[in-house]
Amino acid sequence: LQMNSLKPEDTAVYYCAARIILDYYISKTPSEYNYWGQGTQVTV
């Protein structure tokens, strides 16, 4: 994730997630992702 022109409101813990699916739909729903990373803090 390349993040440019960062703003203070971008401050958060950022998580990587994986979804096991056979189509090419991009889900925006956290519960539809099967695996998660531990998170990394971004502070602006």
All heavy atoms as atom14 arrays in JSON, in Angstrom:
{
  "sequence": "LQMNSLKPEDTAVYYCAARIILDYYISKTPSEYNYWGQGTQVTV",
  "atom14_mask": [
    [1, 1, 1, 1, 1, 1, 1, 1, 0, 0, 0, 0, 0, 0],
    [1, 1, 1, 1, 1, 1, 1, 1, 1, 0, 0, 0, 0, 0],
    [1, 1, 1, 1, 1, 1, 1, 1, 0, 0, 0, 0, 0, 0],
    [1, 1, 1, 1, 1, 1, 1, 1, 0, 0, 0, 0, 0, 0],
    [1, 1, 1, 1, 1, 1, 0, 0, 0, 0, 0, 0, 0, 0],
    [1, 1, 1, 1, 1, 1, 1, 1, 0, 0, 0, 0, 0, 0],
    [1, 1, 1, 1, 1, 1, 1, 1, 1, 0, 0, 0, 0, 0],
    [1, 1, 1, 1, 1, 1, 1, 0, 0, 0, 0, 0, 0, 0],
    [1, 1, 1, 1, 1, 1, 1, 1, 1, 0, 0, 0, 0, 0],
    [1, 1, 1, 1, 1, 1, 1, 1, 0, 0, 0, 0, 0, 0],
    [1, 1, 1, 1, 1, 1, 1, 0, 0, 0, 0, 0, 0, 0],
    [1, 1, 1, 1, 1, 0, 0, 0, 0, 0, 0, 0, 0, 0],
    [1, 1, 1, 1, 1, 1, 1, 0, 0, 0, 0, 0, 0, 0],
    [1, 1, 1, 1, 1, 1, 1, 1, 1, 1, 1, 1, 0, 0],
    [1, 1, 1, 1, 1, 1, 1, 1, 1, 1, 1, 1, 0, 0],
    [1, 1, 1, 1, 1, 1, 0, 0, 0, 0, 0, 0, 0, 0],
    [1, 1, 1, 1, 1, 0, 0, 0, 0, 0, 0, 0, 0, 0],
    [1, 1, 1, 1, 1, 0, 0, 0, 0, 0, 0, 0, 0, 0],
    [1, 1, 1, 1, 1, 1, 1, 1, 1, 1, 1, 0, 0, 0],
    [1, 1, 1, 1, 1, 1, 1, 1, 0, 0, 0, 0, 0, 0],
    [1, 1, 1, 1, 1, 1, 1, 1, 0, 0, 0, 0, 0, 0],
    [1, 1, 1, 1, 1, 1, 1, 1, 0, 0, 0, 0, 0, 0],
    [1, 1, 1, 1, 1, 1, 1, 1, 0, 0, 0, 0, 0, 0],
    [1, 1, 1, 1, 1, 1, 1, 1, 1, 1, 1, 1, 0, 0],
    [1, 1, 1, 1, 1, 1, 1, 1, 1, 1, 1, 1, 0, 0],
    [1, 1, 1, 1, 1, 1, 1, 1, 0, 0, 0, 0, 0, 0],
    [1, 1, 1, 1, 1, 1, 0, 0, 0, 0, 0, 0, 0, 0],
    [1, 1, 1, 1, 1, 1, 1, 1, 1, 0, 0, 0, 0, 0],
    [1, 1, 1, 1, 1, 1, 1, 0, 0, 0, 0, 0, 0, 0],
    [1, 1, 1, 1, 1, 1, 1, 0, 0, 0, 0, 0, 0, 0],
    [1, 1, 1, 1, 1, 1, 0, 0, 0, 0, 0, 0, 0, 0],
    [1, 1, 1, 1, 1, 1, 1, 1, 1, 0, 0, 0, 0, 0],
    [1, 1, 1, 1, 1, 1, 1, 1, 1, 1, 1, 1, 0, 0],
    [1, 1, 1, 1, 1, 1, 1, 1, 0, 0, 0, 0, 0, 0],
    [1, 1, 1, 1, 1, 1, 1, 1, 1, 1, 1, 1, 0, 0],
    [1, 1, 1, 1, 1, 1, 1, 1, 1, 1, 1, 1, 1, 1],
    [1, 1, 1, 1, 0, 0, 0, 0, 0, 0, 0, 0, 0, 0],
    [1, 1, 1, 1, 1, 1, 1, 1, 1, 0, 0, 0, 0, 0],
    [1, 1, 1, 1, 0, 0, 0, 0, 0, 0, 0, 0, 0, 0],
    [1, 1, 1, 1, 1, 1, 1, 0, 0, 0, 0, 0, 0, 0],
    [1, 1, 1, 1, 1, 1, 1, 1, 1, 0, 0, 0, 0, 0],
    [1, 1, 1, 1, 1, 1, 1, 0, 0, 0, 0, 0, 0, 0],
    [1, 1, 1, 1, 1, 1, 1, 0, 0, 0, 0, 0, 0, 0],
    [1, 1, 1, 1, 1, 1, 1, 0, 0, 0, 0, 0, 0, 0]
  ],
  "atom14_positions": [
    [[0.86, -1.17, 0.0], [0.0, 0.0, 0.0], [0.9, 1.23, 0.0], [1.54, 1.53, 1.01], [-0.93, 0.03, 1.21], [-1.93, 1.19, 1.24], [-2.94, 1.06, 0.11], [-2.64, 1.27, 2.59], [0.0, 0.0, 0.0], [0.0, 0.0, 0.0], [0.0, 0.0, 0.0], [0.0, 0.0, 0.0], [0.0, 0.0, 0.0], [0.0, 0.0, 0.0]],
    [[0.96, 1.9, -1.13], [1.7, 3.14, -1.24], [0.79, 4.28, -0.81], [-0.27, 4.48, -1.4], [2.19, 3.37, -2.67], [2.95, 4.67, -2.88], [4.27, 4.7, -2.13], [5.03, 3.74, -2.18], [4.54, 5.78, -1.43], [0.0, 0.0, 0.0], [0.0, 0.0, 0.0], [0.0, 0.0, 0.0], [0.0, 0.0, 0.0], [0.0, 0.0, 0.0]],
    [[1.2, 5.02, 0.2], [0.39, 6.09, 0.76], [1.11, 7.41, 0.56], [2.19, 7.62, 1.12], [0.12, 5.85, 2.25], [-0.52, 4.5, 2.55], [-0.98, 4.31, 4.3], [0.66, 4.31, 5.03], [0.0, 0.0, 0.0], [0.0, 0.0, 0.0], [0.0, 0.0, 0.0], [0.0, 0.0, 0.0], [0.0, 0.0, 0.0], [0.0, 0.0, 0.0]],
    [[0.53, 8.28, -0.24], [1.09, 9.59, -0.51], [0.17, 10.68, 0.03], [-1.0, 10.44, 0.3], [1.28, 9.78, -2.01], [2.26, 8.81, -2.62], [3.22, 8.38, -1.98], [2.03, 8.45, -3.88], [0.0, 0.0, 0.0], [0.0, 0.0, 0.0], [0.0, 0.0, 0.0], [0.0, 0.0, 0.0], [0.0, 0.0, 0.0], [0.0, 0.0, 0.0]],
    [[0.7, 11.88, 0.14], [-0.07, 13.04, 0.61], [-0.82, 12.72, 1.88], [-2.02, 13.0, 2.01], [-1.02, 13.52, -0.5], [-0.32, 13.87, -1.67], [0.0, 0.0, 0.0], [0.0, 0.0, 0.0], [0.0, 0.0, 0.0], [0.0, 0.0, 0.0], [0.0, 0.0, 0.0], [0.0, 0.0, 0.0], [0.0, 0.0, 0.0], [0.0, 0.0, 0.0]],
    [[-0.13, 12.13, 2.84], [-0.78, 11.69, 4.06], [-1.33, 12.85, 4.87], [-0.75, 13.94, 4.9], [0.2, 10.87, 4.9], [0.41, 9.45, 4.4], [1.69, 8.86, 4.98], [-0.78, 8.58, 4.75], [0.0, 0.0, 0.0], [0.0, 0.0, 0.0], [0.0, 0.0, 0.0], [0.0, 0.0, 0.0], [0.0, 0.0, 0.0], [0.0, 0.0, 0.0]],
    [[-2.46, 12.58, 5.51], [-3.15, 13.56, 6.33], [-3.25, 13.05, 7.76], [-3.23, 11.84, 7.98], [-4.57, 13.81, 5.79], [-4.63, 14.23, 4.33], [-6.08, 14.31, 3.86], [-6.16, 14.73, 2.41], [-7.57, 14.79, 1.94], [0.0, 0.0, 0.0], [0.0, 0.0, 0.0], [0.0, 0.0, 0.0], [0.0, 0.0, 0.0], [0.0, 0.0, 0.0]],
    [[-3.38, 13.95, 8.73], [-3.54, 13.48, 10.12], [-4.7, 12.51, 10.29], [-4.6, 11.59, 11.12], [-3.78, 14.78, 10.9], [-3.04, 15.81, 10.12], [-3.24, 15.41, 8.67], [0.0, 0.0, 0.0], [0.0, 0.0, 0.0], [0.0, 0.0, 0.0], [0.0, 0.0, 0.0], [0.0, 0.0, 0.0], [0.0, 0.0, 0.0], [0.0, 0.0, 0.0]],
    [[-5.77, 12.66, 9.54], [-6.9, 11.76, 9.64], [-6.63, 10.36, 9.1], [-7.46, 9.47, 9.25], [-8.15, 12.35, 8.96], [-7.9, 12.85, 7.56], [-7.64, 14.35, 7.5], [-6.85, 14.85, 8.32], [-8.25, 15.02, 6.63], [0.0, 0.0, 0.0], [0.0, 0.0, 0.0], [0.0, 0.0, 0.0], [0.0, 0.0, 0.0], [0.0, 0.0, 0.0]],
    [[-5.48, 10.16, 8.47], [-5.06, 8.83, 8.06], [-4.46, 8.03, 9.21], [-4.17, 6.84, 9.05], [-4.04, 8.9, 6.92], [-4.62, 9.47, 5.65], [-5.77, 9.12, 5.3], [-3.92, 10.26, 4.99], [0.0, 0.0, 0.0], [0.0, 0.0, 0.0], [0.0, 0.0, 0.0], [0.0, 0.0, 0.0], [0.0, 0.0, 0.0], [0.0, 0.0, 0.0]],
    [[-4.24, 8.67, 10.34], [-3.65, 8.0, 11.5], [-4.55, 6.85, 11.96], [-5.73, 7.04, 12.23], [-3.44, 8.99, 12.64], [-2.48, 9.97, 12.25], [-2.94, 8.28, 13.89], [0.0, 0.0, 0.0], [0.0, 0.0, 0.0], [0.0, 0.0, 0.0], [0.0, 0.0, 0.0], [0.0, 0.0, 0.0], [0.0, 0.0, 0.0], [0.0, 0.0, 0.0]],
    [[-3.99, 5.65, 12.02], [-4.74, 4.46, 12.39], [-3.79, 3.28, 12.43], [-2.64, 3.36, 12.0], [-5.86, 4.19, 11.38], [0.0, 0.0, 0.0], [0.0, 0.0, 0.0], [0.0, 0.0, 0.0], [0.0, 0.0, 0.0], [0.0, 0.0, 0.0], [0.0, 0.0, 0.0], [0.0, 0.0, 0.0], [0.0, 0.0, 0.0], [0.0, 0.0, 0.0]],
    [[-4.31, 2.16, 12.93], [-3.64, 0.88, 12.76], [-4.11, 0.3, 11.44], [-5.32, 0.18, 11.2], [-3.94, -0.09, 13.91], [-3.29, -1.45, 13.65], [-3.46, 0.49, 15.23], [0.0, 0.0, 0.0], [0.0, 0.0, 0.0], [0.0, 0.0, 0.0], [0.0, 0.0, 0.0], [0.0, 0.0, 0.0], [0.0, 0.0, 0.0], [0.0, 0.0, 0.0]],
    [[-3.17, -0.04, 10.58], [-3.48, -0.57, 9.26], [-3.3, -2.08, 9.25], [-2.28, -2.6, 9.71], [-2.6, 0.08, 8.2], [-3.04, 1.47, 7.84], [-2.88, 2.52, 8.74], [-3.64, 1.73, 6.61], [-3.3, 3.8, 8.43], [-4.06, 3.01, 6.29], [-3.89, 4.05, 7.2], [-4.32, 5.31, 6.88], [0.0, 0.0, 0.0], [0.0, 0.0, 0.0]],
    [[-4.29, -2.78, 8.71], [-4.3, -4.24, 8.69], [-4.33, -4.76, 7.26], [-5.08, -4.25, 6.42], [-5.54, -4.79, 9.41], [-5.6, -4.46, 10.88], [-6.24, -3.31, 11.33], [-5.04, -5.32, 11.82], [-6.31, -3.01, 12.68], [-5.11, -5.03, 13.17], [-5.74, -3.87, 13.59], [-5.81, -3.58, 14.93], [0.0, 0.0, 0.0], [0.0, 0.0, 0.0]],
    [[-3.54, -5.76, 7.01], [-3.58, -6.53, 5.78], [-4.54, -7.69, 5.97], [-4.58, -8.3, 7.04], [-2.18, -7.03, 5.45], [-2.06, -8.15, 4.06], [0.0, 0.0, 0.0], [0.0, 0.0, 0.0], [0.0, 0.0, 0.0], [0.0, 0.0, 0.0], [0.0, 0.0, 0.0], [0.0, 0.0, 0.0], [0.0, 0.0, 0.0], [0.0, 0.0, 0.0]],
    [[-5.34, -8.0, 4.96], [-6.31, -9.08, 5.05], [-6.36, -9.87, 3.76], [-6.12, -9.33, 2.67], [-7.7, -8.52, 5.37], [0.0, 0.0, 0.0], [0.0, 0.0, 0.0], [0.0, 0.0, 0.0], [0.0, 0.0, 0.0], [0.0, 0.0, 0.0], [0.0, 0.0, 0.0], [0.0, 0.0, 0.0], [0.0, 0.0, 0.0], [0.0, 0.0, 0.0]],
    [[-6.69, -11.15, 3.88], [-6.79, -12.05, 2.74], [-8.17, -12.67, 2.68], [-8.76, -13.0, 3.71], [-5.72, -13.14, 2.82], [0.0, 0.0, 0.0], [0.0, 0.0, 0.0], [0.0, 0.0, 0.0], [0.0, 0.0, 0.0], [0.0, 0.0, 0.0], [0.0, 0.0, 0.0], [0.0, 0.0, 0.0], [0.0, 0.0, 0.0], [0.0, 0.0, 0.0]],
    [[-8.67, -12.85, 1.47], [-9.99, -13.41, 1.25], [-9.9, -14.56, 0.27], [-9.37, -14.38, -0.84], [-10.95, -12.33, 0.73], [-12.38, -12.78, 0.54], [-13.29, -11.58, 0.3], [-14.68, -11.98, 0.17], [-15.37, -11.96, -0.96], [-14.8, -11.53, -2.08], [-16.64, -12.34, -0.97], [0.0, 0.0, 0.0], [0.0, 0.0, 0.0], [0.0, 0.0, 0.0]],
    [[-10.39, -15.71, 0.68], [-10.37, -16.89, -0.17], [-11.68, -16.91, -0.96], [-12.75, -17.15, -0.41], [-10.22, -18.18, 0.64], [-9.01, -18.08, 1.58], [-10.09, -19.37, -0.29], [-7.71, -17.8, 0.88], [0.0, 0.0, 0.0], [0.0, 0.0, 0.0], [0.0, 0.0, 0.0], [0.0, 0.0, 0.0], [0.0, 0.0, 0.0], [0.0, 0.0, 0.0]],
    [[-11.57, -16.64, -2.26], [-12.75, -16.55, -3.12], [-12.33, -16.92, -4.53], [-11.15, -16.76, -4.9], [-13.37, -15.13, -3.06], [-14.77, -15.11, -3.65], [-12.45, -14.12, -3.75], [-15.8, -15.84, -2.82], [0.0, 0.0, 0.0], [0.0, 0.0, 0.0], [0.0, 0.0, 0.0], [0.0, 0.0, 0.0], [0.0, 0.0, 0.0], [0.0, 0.0, 0.0]],
    [[-13.26, -17.41, -5.32], [-12.94, -17.87, -6.67], [-13.28, -16.85, -7.75], [-12.9, -17.04, -8.9], [-13.65, -19.19, -6.97], [-13.23, -20.38, -6.1], [-14.03, -21.61, -6.5], [-11.73, -20.64, -6.23], [0.0, 0.0, 0.0], [0.0, 0.0, 0.0], [0.0, 0.0, 0.0], [0.0, 0.0, 0.0], [0.0, 0.0, 0.0], [0.0, 0.0, 0.0]],
    [[-13.99, -15.79, -7.39], [-14.32, -14.77, -8.38], [-13.39, -13.57, -8.21], [-12.36, -13.64, -7.52], [-15.79, -14.38, -8.29], [-16.19, -13.79, -6.95], [-15.31, -13.3, -6.21], [-17.4, -13.81, -6.64], [0.0, 0.0, 0.0], [0.0, 0.0, 0.0], [0.0, 0.0, 0.0], [0.0, 0.0, 0.0], [0.0, 0.0, 0.0], [0.0, 0.0, 0.0]],
    [[-13.74, -12.45, -8.83], [-12.87, -11.27, -8.81], [-13.54, -10.08, -8.15], [-13.18, -8.93, -8.39], [-12.43, -10.95, -10.24], [-11.69, -12.11, -10.85], [-12.34, -13.04, -11.66], [-10.33, -12.3, -10.6], [-11.67, -14.12, -12.19], [-9.65, -13.38, -11.12], [-10.32, -14.29, -11.91], [-9.65, -15.37, -12.43], [0.0, 0.0, 0.0], [0.0, 0.0, 0.0]],
    [[-14.51, -10.37, -7.29], [-15.21, -9.34, -6.55], [-14.32, -8.81, -5.44], [-13.68, -9.57, -4.72], [-16.5, -9.92, -5.98], [-17.22, -9.04, -5.0], [-17.89, -7.9, -5.43], [-17.23, -9.34, -3.65], [-18.56, -7.09, -4.54], [-17.9, -8.54, -2.75], [-18.56, -7.41, -3.2], [-19.23, -6.62, -2.31], [0.0, 0.0, 0.0], [0.0, 0.0, 0.0]],
    [[-14.29, -7.49, -5.28], [-13.53, -6.85, -4.2], [-14.48, -6.51, -3.08], [-15.35, -5.65, -3.22], [-12.8, -5.59, -4.7], [-11.78, -5.97, -5.78], [-12.13, -4.88, -3.53], [-11.11, -4.78, -6.42], [0.0, 0.0, 0.0], [0.0, 0.0, 0.0], [0.0, 0.0, 0.0], [0.0, 0.0, 0.0], [0.0, 0.0, 0.0], [0.0, 0.0, 0.0]],
    [[-14.32, -7.19, -1.96], [-15.17, -6.97, -0.81], [-14.65, -5.81, 0.02], [-13.44, -5.68, 0.24], [-15.25, -8.23, 0.05], [-15.97, -7.97, 1.24], [0.0, 0.0, 0.0], [0.0, 0.0, 0.0], [0.0, 0.0, 0.0], [0.0, 0.0, 0.0], [0.0, 0.0, 0.0], [0.0, 0.0, 0.0], [0.0, 0.0, 0.0], [0.0, 0.0, 0.0]],
    [[-15.58, -4.98, 0.52], [-15.24, -3.9, 1.44], [-15.67, -4.22, 2.87], [-15.59, -3.35, 3.73], [-15.91, -2.6, 0.98], [-15.48, -2.14, -0.41], [-16.18, -0.85, -0.8], [-15.74, -0.39, -2.19], [-16.42, 0.88, -2.58], [0.0, 0.0, 0.0], [0.0, 0.0, 0.0], [0.0, 0.0, 0.0], [0.0, 0.0, 0.0], [0.0, 0.0, 0.0]],
    [[-16.08, -5.44, 3.09], [-16.63, -5.87, 4.37], [-15.61, -6.68, 5.15], [-15.19, -7.74, 4.69], [-17.9, -6.71, 4.16], [-18.84, -5.95, 3.38], [-18.52, -7.09, 5.48], [0.0, 0.0, 0.0], [0.0, 0.0, 0.0], [0.0, 0.0, 0.0], [0.0, 0.0, 0.0], [0.0, 0.0, 0.0], [0.0, 0.0, 0.0], [0.0, 0.0, 0.0]],
    [[-15.19, -6.22, 6.33], [-14.17, -6.96, 7.09], [-14.53, -8.41, 7.36], [-13.65, -9.28, 7.3], [-14.06, -6.16, 8.4], [-14.44, -4.76, 8.01], [-15.53, -4.94, 6.98], [0.0, 0.0, 0.0], [0.0, 0.0, 0.0], [0.0, 0.0, 0.0], [0.0, 0.0, 0.0], [0.0, 0.0, 0.0], [0.0, 0.0, 0.0], [0.0, 0.0, 0.0]],
    [[-15.8, -8.7, 7.65], [-16.2, -10.06, 8.0], [-16.07, -11.04, 6.84], [-16.1, -12.25, 7.06], [-17.64, -10.07, 8.52], [-18.56, -9.67, 7.52], [0.0, 0.0, 0.0], [0.0, 0.0, 0.0], [0.0, 0.0, 0.0], [0.0, 0.0, 0.0], [0.0, 0.0, 0.0], [0.0, 0.0, 0.0], [0.0, 0.0, 0.0], [0.0, 0.0, 0.0]],
    [[-15.93, -10.54, 5.64], [-15.79, -11.42, 4.48], [-14.34, -11.8, 4.2], [-14.08, -12.57, 3.28], [-16.41, -10.77, 3.25], [-17.93, -10.63, 3.36], [-18.58, -10.05, 2.13], [-17.86, -9.6, 1.21], [-19.83, -10.04, 2.06], [0.0, 0.0, 0.0], [0.0, 0.0, 0.0], [0.0, 0.0, 0.0], [0.0, 0.0, 0.0], [0.0, 0.0, 0.0]],
    [[-13.41, -11.27, 4.97], [-12.0, -11.64, 4.84], [-11.67, -12.73, 5.86], [-12.1, -12.67, 7.01], [-11.1, -10.42, 5.01], [-11.12, -9.54, 3.79], [-12.18, -8.67, 3.56], [-10.08, -9.58, 2.87], [-12.22, -7.88, 2.42], [-10.11, -8.78, 1.73], [-11.18, -7.93, 1.51], [-11.21, -7.14, 0.39], [0.0, 0.0, 0.0], [0.0, 0.0, 0.0]],
    [[-10.89, -13.69, 5.43], [-10.65, -14.89, 6.21], [-9.42, -14.8, 7.12], [-9.38, -15.45, 8.17], [-10.48, -16.09, 5.28], [-11.64, -16.25, 4.32], [-11.53, -15.95, 3.13], [-12.77, -16.72, 4.83], [0.0, 0.0, 0.0], [0.0, 0.0, 0.0], [0.0, 0.0, 0.0], [0.0, 0.0, 0.0], [0.0, 0.0, 0.0], [0.0, 0.0, 0.0]],
    [[-8.43, -14.04, 6.72], [-7.17, -13.98, 7.46], [-6.72, -12.54, 7.6], [-6.93, -11.72, 6.7], [-6.08, -14.8, 6.75], [-6.45, -16.25, 6.58], [-6.99, -16.7, 5.38], [-6.26, -17.16, 7.61], [-7.34, -18.02, 5.22], [-6.62, -18.49, 7.45], [-7.15, -18.92, 6.25], [-7.5, -20.24, 6.09], [0.0, 0.0, 0.0], [0.0, 0.0, 0.0]],
    [[-6.07, -12.25, 8.72], [-5.65, -10.89, 9.05], [-4.23, -10.86, 9.58], [-3.79, -11.78, 10.26], [-6.58, -10.28, 10.1], [-7.97, -10.08, 9.61], [-8.97, -11.0, 9.57], [-8.51, -8.87, 9.08], [-10.1, -10.44, 9.04], [-9.85, -9.14, 8.74], [-7.99, -7.59, 8.87], [-10.68, -8.16, 8.18], [-8.82, -6.62, 8.33], [-10.15, -6.92, 7.99]],
    [[-3.52, -9.78, 9.26], [-2.23, -9.53, 9.87], [-2.4, -8.93, 11.25], [-3.51, -8.7, 11.73], [0.0, 0.0, 0.0], [0.0, 0.0, 0.0], [0.0, 0.0, 0.0], [0.0, 0.0, 0.0], [0.0, 0.0, 0.0], [0.0, 0.0, 0.0], [0.0, 0.0, 0.0], [0.0, 0.0, 0.0], [0.0, 0.0, 0.0], [0.0, 0.0, 0.0]],
    [[-1.27, -8.65, 11.89], [-1.29, -8.14, 13.26], [-1.55, -6.64, 13.34], [-1.85, -6.13, 14.41], [0.05, -8.47, 13.94], [1.21, -7.55, 13.58], [1.79, -7.79, 12.19], [1.43, -8.73, 11.49], [2.7, -6.91, 11.78], [0.0, 0.0, 0.0], [0.0, 0.0, 0.0], [0.0, 0.0, 0.0], [0.0, 0.0, 0.0], [0.0, 0.0, 0.0]],
    [[-1.42, -5.96, 12.23], [-1.61, -4.52, 12.19], [-0.31, -3.77, 12.37], [0.59, -4.21, 13.09], [0.0, 0.0, 0.0], [0.0, 0.0, 0.0], [0.0, 0.0, 0.0], [0.0, 0.0, 0.0], [0.0, 0.0, 0.0], [0.0, 0.0, 0.0], [0.0, 0.0, 0.0], [0.0, 0.0, 0.0], [0.0, 0.0, 0.0], [0.0, 0.0, 0.0]],
    [[-0.21, -2.62, 11.73], [0.95, -1.75, 11.88], [0.47, -0.31, 12.04], [-0.43, 0.14, 11.34], [1.92, -1.9, 10.68], [3.09, -1.11, 10.89], [1.26, -1.48, 9.37], [0.0, 0.0, 0.0], [0.0, 0.0, 0.0], [0.0, 0.0, 0.0], [0.0, 0.0, 0.0], [0.0, 0.0, 0.0], [0.0, 0.0, 0.0], [0.0, 0.0, 0.0]],
    [[1.06, 0.4, 12.99], [0.62, 1.74, 13.32], [1.16, 2.75, 12.32], [2.36, 2.79, 12.02], [1.08, 2.12, 14.73], [0.72, 3.55, 15.15], [-0.76, 3.73, 15.38], [-1.4, 2.89, 16.02], [-1.33, 4.83, 14.86], [0.0, 0.0, 0.0], [0.0, 0.0, 0.0], [0.0, 0.0, 0.0], [0.0, 0.0, 0.0], [0.0, 0.0, 0.0]],
    [[0.27, 3.59, 11.82], [0.63, 4.74, 10.99], [0.17, 5.99, 11.72], [-1.01, 6.13, 12.03], [0.0, 4.67, 9.59], [0.23, 5.96, 8.83], [0.54, 3.47, 8.82], [0.0, 0.0, 0.0], [0.0, 0.0, 0.0], [0.0, 0.0, 0.0], [0.0, 0.0, 0.0], [0.0, 0.0, 0.0], [0.0, 0.0, 0.0], [0.0, 0.0, 0.0]],
    [[1.1, 6.88, 11.99], [0.79, 8.13, 12.67], [1.24, 9.29, 11.8], [2.42, 9.36, 11.42], [1.47, 8.2, 14.04], [1.06, 7.09, 14.84], [1.1, 9.5, 14.75], [0.0, 0.0, 0.0], [0.0, 0.0, 0.0], [0.0, 0.0, 0.0], [0.0, 0.0, 0.0], [0.0, 0.0, 0.0], [0.0, 0.0, 0.0], [0.0, 0.0, 0.0]],
    [[0.33, 10.19, 11.5], [0.61, 11.35, 10.66], [0.47, 12.59, 11.52], [-0.62, 12.88, 12.03], [-0.33, 11.42, 9.45], [0.07, 12.59, 8.55], [-0.3, 10.11, 8.67], [0.0, 0.0, 0.0], [0.0, 0.0, 0.0], [0.0, 0.0, 0.0], [0.0, 0.0, 0.0], [0.0, 0.0, 0.0], [0.0, 0.0, 0.0], [0.0, 0.0, 0.0]]
  ]
}
